[in-house]
Amino acid sequence: MERINSTSMNPVDQFIEIAPDCLLKAAVIPVDKGVKRTIASIEYELLAANPYVYTLAELQFVVNARRNEISDEDLIAQRQSLWDAFFSKPHACMRASALTKKFGWGVHYDKQGKIALYAVESREYQRFVKDGNIKKYFAMRSKRGAE
């Protein structure tokens, strides 16, 4: 699995298809469970409202900040130290996201590495799947050895 840190390259010109073991015929919007927001719901909220705005690193950083309820003031004042601390460990790419593994969302990275979501049932999703000029990868399976 591709892992990313702040110094590694963000993926470009590629499409992440839903996991082979995802049986959904239509994408589902993730909902929060309990008090703490889920990573998938925050990823969805950010990407649905802001297609092609975030790179993978930027998305992961903002998701982490929101999930841990870091205030906007702290985020602005301590951005570099928070960024460095967050990326001191590697993080998985969108192939491991619940959006692509179980909620039926494909992810497209454009030429600048900016990300947008596409529902599995959409024409755009099918266009990316059929496009021979773009690299395509499946999201990771939810269960090991699943066929």
N, C-alpha and C. Protein backbone atom coordinates (compact mmCIF):
# COMPACT_ATOMS: atom_id res chain seq x y z
N MET A 1 0.84 -1.17 0.00
CA MET A 1 0.00 0.00 0.00
C MET A 1 0.89 1.24 0.00
N GLU A 2 0.50 2.19 -0.81
CA GLU A 2 1.25 3.44 -0.86
C GLU A 2 1.01 4.20 0.43
N ARG A 3 2.09 4.67 1.01
CA ARG A 3 1.99 5.50 2.22
C ARG A 3 2.53 6.87 1.87
N ILE A 4 2.04 7.84 2.57
CA ILE A 4 2.44 9.21 2.25
C ILE A 4 2.92 9.92 3.51
N ASN A 5 3.93 10.74 3.33
CA ASN A 5 4.31 11.69 4.38
C ASN A 5 4.46 13.04 3.68
N SER A 6 4.76 14.06 4.43
CA SER A 6 4.74 15.40 3.85
C SER A 6 5.80 15.61 2.78
N THR A 7 6.82 14.77 2.75
CA THR A 7 7.87 14.95 1.75
C THR A 7 7.68 14.04 0.54
N SER A 8 6.76 13.08 0.62
CA SER A 8 6.57 12.19 -0.52
C SER A 8 5.64 12.83 -1.54
N MET A 9 5.68 12.30 -2.73
CA MET A 9 4.89 12.84 -3.82
C MET A 9 3.41 12.50 -3.62
N ASN A 10 2.55 13.46 -3.85
CA ASN A 10 1.12 13.18 -3.87
C ASN A 10 0.79 12.48 -5.18
N PRO A 11 -0.12 11.52 -5.17
CA PRO A 11 -0.50 10.85 -6.42
C PRO A 11 -1.06 11.85 -7.43
N VAL A 12 -0.81 11.60 -8.71
CA VAL A 12 -1.34 12.45 -9.78
C VAL A 12 -1.89 11.56 -10.89
N ASP A 13 -2.83 12.11 -11.66
CA ASP A 13 -3.39 11.43 -12.83
C ASP A 13 -3.74 9.97 -12.57
N GLN A 14 -4.54 9.73 -11.56
CA GLN A 14 -4.96 8.36 -11.31
C GLN A 14 -6.36 8.33 -10.73
N PHE A 15 -6.95 7.14 -10.81
CA PHE A 15 -8.30 6.94 -10.31
C PHE A 15 -8.32 5.72 -9.42
N ILE A 16 -8.91 5.88 -8.24
CA ILE A 16 -9.07 4.76 -7.31
C ILE A 16 -10.50 4.27 -7.43
N GLU A 17 -10.65 3.04 -7.92
CA GLU A 17 -11.96 2.41 -8.02
C GLU A 17 -12.35 1.83 -6.67
N ILE A 18 -13.64 1.60 -6.47
CA ILE A 18 -14.08 1.01 -5.21
C ILE A 18 -13.47 -0.38 -5.07
N ALA A 19 -13.38 -0.85 -3.85
CA ALA A 19 -12.78 -2.15 -3.56
C ALA A 19 -13.57 -3.27 -4.24
N PRO A 20 -12.86 -4.30 -4.70
CA PRO A 20 -13.55 -5.42 -5.35
C PRO A 20 -14.59 -6.10 -4.45
N ASP A 21 -14.42 -6.02 -3.14
CA ASP A 21 -15.40 -6.65 -2.24
C ASP A 21 -16.48 -5.68 -1.75
N CYS A 22 -16.52 -4.49 -2.31
CA CYS A 22 -17.60 -3.54 -2.00
C CYS A 22 -18.77 -3.87 -2.92
N LEU A 23 -19.88 -4.25 -2.35
CA LEU A 23 -21.03 -4.71 -3.13
C LEU A 23 -22.04 -3.62 -3.45
N LEU A 24 -21.75 -2.40 -3.08
CA LEU A 24 -22.70 -1.31 -3.31
C LEU A 24 -22.84 -1.00 -4.80
N LYS A 25 -24.06 -0.74 -5.21
CA LYS A 25 -24.34 -0.31 -6.59
C LYS A 25 -24.49 1.20 -6.66
N ALA A 26 -24.62 1.82 -5.50
CA ALA A 26 -24.72 3.28 -5.40
C ALA A 26 -23.95 3.73 -4.16
N ALA A 27 -23.26 4.85 -4.29
CA ALA A 27 -22.47 5.37 -3.17
C ALA A 27 -23.37 5.79 -2.01
N VAL A 28 -22.81 5.70 -0.82
CA VAL A 28 -23.51 6.05 0.41
C VAL A 28 -22.72 7.15 1.11
N ILE A 29 -23.42 8.14 1.62
CA ILE A 29 -22.76 9.20 2.38
C ILE A 29 -22.51 8.68 3.79
N PRO A 30 -21.26 8.68 4.24
CA PRO A 30 -20.97 8.17 5.59
C PRO A 30 -21.55 9.08 6.67
N VAL A 31 -21.96 8.46 7.75
CA VAL A 31 -22.50 9.23 8.89
C VAL A 31 -21.61 8.98 10.10
N ASP A 32 -21.62 9.95 11.00
CA ASP A 32 -20.85 9.82 12.23
C ASP A 32 -21.52 8.83 13.16
N LYS A 33 -20.68 8.16 13.94
CA LYS A 33 -21.18 7.24 14.96
C LYS A 33 -20.66 7.73 16.30
N GLY A 34 -21.55 7.99 17.21
CA GLY A 34 -21.11 8.45 18.51
C GLY A 34 -20.71 9.91 18.48
N VAL A 35 -19.89 10.27 19.46
CA VAL A 35 -19.50 11.67 19.65
C VAL A 35 -18.40 12.09 18.70
N LYS A 36 -17.39 11.25 18.54
CA LYS A 36 -16.23 11.61 17.71
C LYS A 36 -16.55 11.38 16.24
N ARG A 37 -16.24 12.36 15.41
CA ARG A 37 -16.48 12.26 13.97
C ARG A 37 -15.64 11.14 13.38
N THR A 38 -16.18 10.48 12.34
CA THR A 38 -15.41 9.45 11.66
C THR A 38 -14.53 10.10 10.59
N ILE A 39 -13.44 9.45 10.30
CA ILE A 39 -12.54 9.95 9.25
C ILE A 39 -13.30 10.00 7.92
N ALA A 40 -14.06 8.95 7.62
CA ALA A 40 -14.80 8.90 6.35
C ALA A 40 -15.79 10.05 6.22
N SER A 41 -16.49 10.38 7.29
CA SER A 41 -17.48 11.47 7.19
C SER A 41 -16.80 12.82 6.99
N ILE A 42 -15.65 13.01 7.61
CA ILE A 42 -14.92 14.27 7.42
C ILE A 42 -14.33 14.33 6.02
N GLU A 43 -13.74 13.22 5.55
CA GLU A 43 -13.21 13.18 4.18
C GLU A 43 -14.33 13.51 3.19
N TYR A 44 -15.48 12.87 3.37
CA TYR A 44 -16.60 13.11 2.46
C TYR A 44 -17.02 14.59 2.50
N GLU A 45 -17.20 15.12 3.69
CA GLU A 45 -17.63 16.51 3.85
C GLU A 45 -16.68 17.46 3.11
N LEU A 46 -15.38 17.27 3.29
CA LEU A 46 -14.39 18.15 2.67
C LEU A 46 -14.35 17.99 1.15
N LEU A 47 -14.33 16.74 0.68
CA LEU A 47 -14.18 16.50 -0.76
C LEU A 47 -15.46 16.78 -1.54
N ALA A 48 -16.61 16.50 -0.95
CA ALA A 48 -17.88 16.77 -1.65
C ALA A 48 -18.08 18.28 -1.82
N ALA A 49 -17.71 19.04 -0.82
CA ALA A 49 -17.89 20.49 -0.87
C ALA A 49 -16.77 21.20 -1.63
N ASN A 50 -15.62 20.53 -1.78
CA ASN A 50 -14.43 21.17 -2.36
C ASN A 50 -13.71 20.25 -3.33
N PRO A 51 -14.34 19.85 -4.45
CA PRO A 51 -13.64 18.97 -5.39
C PRO A 51 -12.41 19.66 -5.98
N TYR A 52 -11.35 18.89 -6.10
CA TYR A 52 -10.09 19.35 -6.69
C TYR A 52 -9.50 20.56 -5.96
N VAL A 53 -9.66 20.60 -4.64
CA VAL A 53 -9.04 21.64 -3.82
C VAL A 53 -7.89 21.06 -3.01
N TYR A 54 -8.06 19.87 -2.46
CA TYR A 54 -7.07 19.26 -1.56
C TYR A 54 -6.19 18.24 -2.27
N THR A 55 -4.89 18.26 -1.94
CA THR A 55 -4.02 17.12 -2.26
C THR A 55 -4.23 16.09 -1.15
N LEU A 56 -3.67 14.92 -1.33
CA LEU A 56 -3.80 13.88 -0.31
C LEU A 56 -3.23 14.34 1.02
N ALA A 57 -2.04 14.92 1.01
CA ALA A 57 -1.42 15.38 2.26
C ALA A 57 -2.27 16.45 2.93
N GLU A 58 -2.75 17.41 2.14
CA GLU A 58 -3.59 18.47 2.71
C GLU A 58 -4.88 17.90 3.31
N LEU A 59 -5.50 16.98 2.58
CA LEU A 59 -6.73 16.37 3.07
C LEU A 59 -6.50 15.64 4.38
N GLN A 60 -5.46 14.83 4.43
CA GLN A 60 -5.18 14.07 5.64
C GLN A 60 -4.90 14.99 6.83
N PHE A 61 -4.19 16.06 6.59
CA PHE A 61 -3.87 17.01 7.66
C PHE A 61 -5.14 17.69 8.19
N VAL A 62 -5.99 18.16 7.29
CA VAL A 62 -7.22 18.84 7.71
C VAL A 62 -8.17 17.86 8.40
N VAL A 63 -8.28 16.64 7.88
CA VAL A 63 -9.13 15.63 8.52
C VAL A 63 -8.65 15.37 9.94
N ASN A 64 -7.35 15.22 10.11
CA ASN A 64 -6.79 14.98 11.44
C ASN A 64 -7.09 16.16 12.38
N ALA A 65 -6.93 17.37 11.88
CA ALA A 65 -7.19 18.55 12.70
C ALA A 65 -8.65 18.62 13.12
N ARG A 66 -9.55 18.35 12.20
CA ARG A 66 -10.99 18.40 12.53
C ARG A 66 -11.38 17.27 13.47
N ARG A 67 -10.84 16.09 13.21
CA ARG A 67 -11.19 14.94 14.05
C ARG A 67 -10.73 15.14 15.49
N ASN A 68 -9.58 15.80 15.64
CA ASN A 68 -9.04 16.06 16.97
C ASN A 68 -9.44 17.42 17.52
N GLU A 69 -10.39 18.06 16.84
CA GLU A 69 -10.97 19.33 17.28
C GLU A 69 -9.93 20.40 17.57
N ILE A 70 -8.95 20.50 16.68
CA ILE A 70 -7.95 21.57 16.80
C ILE A 70 -8.61 22.86 16.30
N SER A 71 -8.57 23.88 17.11
CA SER A 71 -9.24 25.14 16.76
C SER A 71 -8.56 25.79 15.56
N ASP A 72 -9.33 26.62 14.86
CA ASP A 72 -8.78 27.35 13.72
C ASP A 72 -7.61 28.23 14.15
N GLU A 73 -7.73 28.83 15.34
CA GLU A 73 -6.66 29.69 15.85
C GLU A 73 -5.37 28.89 16.05
N ASP A 74 -5.48 27.72 16.69
CA ASP A 74 -4.31 26.87 16.90
C ASP A 74 -3.75 26.37 15.57
N LEU A 75 -4.65 26.04 14.66
CA LEU A 75 -4.22 25.54 13.36
C LEU A 75 -3.41 26.60 12.62
N ILE A 76 -3.83 27.83 12.70
CA ILE A 76 -3.10 28.92 12.04
C ILE A 76 -1.79 29.20 12.77
N ALA A 77 -1.85 29.30 14.08
CA ALA A 77 -0.66 29.66 14.87
C ALA A 77 0.40 28.57 14.88
N GLN A 78 -0.03 27.31 14.86
CA GLN A 78 0.91 26.20 15.01
C GLN A 78 0.96 25.29 13.78
N ARG A 79 0.55 25.80 12.64
CA ARG A 79 0.40 24.95 11.45
C ARG A 79 1.65 24.12 11.16
N GLN A 80 2.80 24.74 11.09
CA GLN A 80 4.00 23.99 10.70
C GLN A 80 4.36 22.91 11.72
N SER A 81 4.28 23.21 13.00
CA SER A 81 4.62 22.19 14.00
C SER A 81 3.58 21.07 14.01
N LEU A 82 2.31 21.41 13.83
CA LEU A 82 1.27 20.38 13.74
C LEU A 82 1.47 19.52 12.50
N TRP A 83 1.80 20.16 11.38
CA TRP A 83 2.07 19.45 10.12
C TRP A 83 3.24 18.49 10.30
N ASP A 84 4.33 19.00 10.85
CA ASP A 84 5.52 18.16 11.05
C ASP A 84 5.24 16.99 11.97
N ALA A 85 4.50 17.24 13.04
CA ALA A 85 4.16 16.16 13.98
C ALA A 85 3.27 15.12 13.31
N PHE A 86 2.27 15.57 12.57
CA PHE A 86 1.35 14.64 11.91
C PHE A 86 2.08 13.78 10.89
N PHE A 87 2.95 14.39 10.11
CA PHE A 87 3.64 13.64 9.06
C PHE A 87 4.97 13.03 9.52
N SER A 88 5.20 13.00 10.83
CA SER A 88 6.39 12.30 11.33
C SER A 88 6.21 10.79 11.20
N LYS A 89 4.95 10.37 10.99
CA LYS A 89 4.64 8.96 10.73
C LYS A 89 3.95 8.87 9.38
N PRO A 90 4.13 7.77 8.66
CA PRO A 90 3.46 7.63 7.36
C PRO A 90 1.95 7.41 7.52
N HIS A 91 1.21 7.77 6.49
CA HIS A 91 -0.24 7.62 6.46
C HIS A 91 -0.64 6.94 5.16
N ALA A 92 -1.67 6.12 5.22
CA ALA A 92 -2.13 5.37 4.05
C ALA A 92 -2.78 6.30 3.03
N CYS A 93 -2.75 5.87 1.78
CA CYS A 93 -3.37 6.64 0.70
C CYS A 93 -4.87 6.39 0.67
N MET A 94 -5.57 6.98 -0.28
CA MET A 94 -7.02 6.86 -0.37
C MET A 94 -7.48 5.46 -0.74
N ARG A 95 -6.59 4.59 -1.15
CA ARG A 95 -6.97 3.19 -1.40
C ARG A 95 -7.43 2.53 -0.10
N ALA A 96 -6.98 3.05 1.03
CA ALA A 96 -7.34 2.48 2.33
C ALA A 96 -8.48 3.24 3.00
N SER A 97 -9.00 4.26 2.36
CA SER A 97 -10.10 5.05 2.93
C SER A 97 -11.40 4.24 2.92
N ALA A 98 -12.18 4.42 3.95
CA ALA A 98 -13.51 3.77 3.99
C ALA A 98 -14.39 4.27 2.85
N LEU A 99 -14.15 5.47 2.35
CA LEU A 99 -14.94 5.97 1.22
C LEU A 99 -14.81 5.05 0.02
N THR A 100 -13.60 4.60 -0.27
CA THR A 100 -13.37 3.74 -1.43
C THR A 100 -13.54 2.26 -1.11
N LYS A 101 -13.35 1.90 0.15
CA LYS A 101 -13.45 0.49 0.54
C LYS A 101 -14.88 0.03 0.78
N LYS A 102 -15.69 0.87 1.40
CA LYS A 102 -17.03 0.38 1.76
C LYS A 102 -18.20 1.32 1.49
N PHE A 103 -17.94 2.57 1.12
CA PHE A 103 -19.05 3.50 0.89
C PHE A 103 -19.33 3.77 -0.59
N GLY A 104 -18.57 3.18 -1.50
CA GLY A 104 -18.89 3.27 -2.93
C GLY A 104 -18.45 4.54 -3.63
N TRP A 105 -17.39 5.17 -3.15
CA TRP A 105 -16.88 6.39 -3.77
C TRP A 105 -15.54 6.13 -4.45
N GLY A 106 -15.42 6.53 -5.71
CA GLY A 106 -14.14 6.52 -6.40
C GLY A 106 -13.45 7.84 -6.15
N VAL A 107 -12.13 7.83 -6.27
CA VAL A 107 -11.34 9.04 -6.04
C VAL A 107 -10.47 9.31 -7.26
N HIS A 108 -10.56 10.52 -7.78
CA HIS A 108 -9.72 10.93 -8.90
C HIS A 108 -8.70 11.96 -8.43
N TYR A 109 -7.45 11.72 -8.82
CA TYR A 109 -6.37 12.69 -8.60
C TYR A 109 -6.09 13.34 -9.95
N ASP A 110 -6.15 14.66 -10.03
CA ASP A 110 -5.86 15.34 -11.29
C ASP A 110 -4.35 15.52 -11.48
N LYS A 111 -3.97 16.27 -12.49
CA LYS A 111 -2.55 16.47 -12.82
C LYS A 111 -1.78 17.17 -11.71
N GLN A 112 -2.47 17.94 -10.87
CA GLN A 112 -1.82 18.62 -9.75
C GLN A 112 -1.94 17.82 -8.45
N GLY A 113 -2.52 16.63 -8.52
CA GLY A 113 -2.68 15.81 -7.33
C GLY A 113 -3.87 16.21 -6.48
N LYS A 114 -4.74 17.06 -7.01
CA LYS A 114 -5.95 17.47 -6.28
C LYS A 114 -7.01 16.38 -6.44
N ILE A 115 -7.82 16.20 -5.38
CA ILE A 115 -8.72 15.05 -5.28
C ILE A 115 -10.18 15.46 -5.45
N ALA A 116 -10.95 14.57 -6.13
CA ALA A 116 -12.41 14.71 -6.20
C ALA A 116 -13.03 13.33 -6.04
N LEU A 117 -14.25 13.31 -5.51
CA LEU A 117 -15.01 12.07 -5.31
C LEU A 117 -15.98 11.85 -6.46
N TYR A 118 -16.19 10.56 -6.81
CA TYR A 118 -17.18 10.20 -7.81
C TYR A 118 -17.94 8.97 -7.33
N ALA A 119 -19.26 9.07 -7.31
CA ALA A 119 -20.11 7.95 -6.89
C ALA A 119 -20.01 6.82 -7.91
N VAL A 120 -19.99 5.59 -7.43
CA VAL A 120 -19.82 4.42 -8.29
C VAL A 120 -20.89 4.36 -9.38
N GLU A 121 -22.08 4.87 -9.12
CA GLU A 121 -23.16 4.80 -10.10
C GLU A 121 -23.13 5.94 -11.12
N SER A 122 -22.20 6.87 -10.98
CA SER A 122 -22.18 8.06 -11.84
C SER A 122 -21.54 7.79 -13.20
N ARG A 123 -21.94 8.58 -14.18
CA ARG A 123 -21.32 8.50 -15.52
C ARG A 123 -19.84 8.84 -15.45
N GLU A 124 -19.50 9.82 -14.62
CA GLU A 124 -18.10 10.23 -14.50
C GLU A 124 -17.24 9.08 -13.98
N TYR A 125 -17.75 8.35 -12.99
CA TYR A 125 -17.01 7.20 -12.46
C TYR A 125 -16.74 6.21 -13.59
N GLN A 126 -17.77 5.88 -14.36
CA GLN A 126 -17.62 4.91 -15.46
C GLN A 126 -16.67 5.44 -16.53
N ARG A 127 -16.68 6.73 -16.76
CA ARG A 127 -15.76 7.33 -17.74
C ARG A 127 -14.31 7.14 -17.29
N PHE A 128 -14.03 7.35 -16.01
CA PHE A 128 -12.67 7.13 -15.51
C PHE A 128 -12.27 5.66 -15.62
N VAL A 129 -13.18 4.76 -15.29
CA VAL A 129 -12.89 3.32 -15.36
C VAL A 129 -12.52 2.91 -16.78
N LYS A 130 -13.20 3.50 -17.77
CA LYS A 130 -12.97 3.12 -19.17
C LYS A 130 -11.82 3.89 -19.82
N ASP A 131 -11.33 4.93 -19.18
CA ASP A 131 -10.27 5.77 -19.75
C ASP A 131 -8.94 5.03 -19.73
N GLY A 132 -8.42 4.72 -20.90
CA GLY A 132 -7.15 4.01 -21.00
C GLY A 132 -5.93 4.87 -20.76
N ASN A 133 -6.12 6.17 -20.62
CA ASN A 133 -4.99 7.09 -20.45
C ASN A 133 -4.72 7.46 -19.00
N ILE A 134 -5.44 6.86 -18.08
CA ILE A 134 -5.26 7.19 -16.67
C ILE A 134 -4.93 5.91 -15.90
N LYS A 135 -4.03 6.04 -14.93
CA LYS A 135 -3.71 4.89 -14.07
C LYS A 135 -4.89 4.63 -13.16
N LYS A 136 -5.22 3.35 -13.01
CA LYS A 136 -6.33 2.97 -12.15
C LYS A 136 -5.87 1.93 -11.15
N TYR A 137 -6.37 2.06 -9.94
CA TYR A 137 -6.08 1.11 -8.87
C TYR A 137 -7.38 0.84 -8.13
N PHE A 138 -7.50 -0.38 -7.63
CA PHE A 138 -8.65 -0.69 -6.78
C PHE A 138 -8.35 -0.27 -5.35
N ALA A 139 -9.38 0.12 -4.64
CA ALA A 139 -9.25 0.33 -3.20
C ALA A 139 -8.93 -1.02 -2.57
N MET A 140 -8.38 -0.97 -1.40
CA MET A 140 -8.03 -2.21 -0.70
C MET A 140 -9.29 -2.92 -0.23
N ARG A 141 -9.22 -4.22 -0.24
CA ARG A 141 -10.35 -5.02 0.23
C ARG A 141 -10.54 -4.80 1.73
N SER A 142 -11.76 -4.96 2.18
CA SER A 142 -12.05 -4.80 3.61
C SER A 142 -11.61 -6.01 4.41
N LYS A 143 -11.61 -7.17 3.76
CA LYS A 143 -11.20 -8.40 4.44
C LYS A 143 -10.07 -9.05 3.66
N ARG A 144 -9.09 -9.54 4.39
CA ARG A 144 -7.99 -10.26 3.74
C ARG A 144 -8.52 -11.52 3.08
N GLY A 145 -8.00 -11.79 1.90
CA GLY A 145 -8.37 -13.00 1.20
C GLY A 145 -9.76 -12.97 0.60
N ALA A 146 -10.44 -11.85 0.69
CA ALA A 146 -11.79 -11.76 0.10
C ALA A 146 -11.67 -11.80 -1.41
N GLU A 147 -12.53 -12.53 -2.03
CA GLU A 147 -12.51 -12.65 -3.49
C GLU A 147 -13.55 -11.80 -4.14
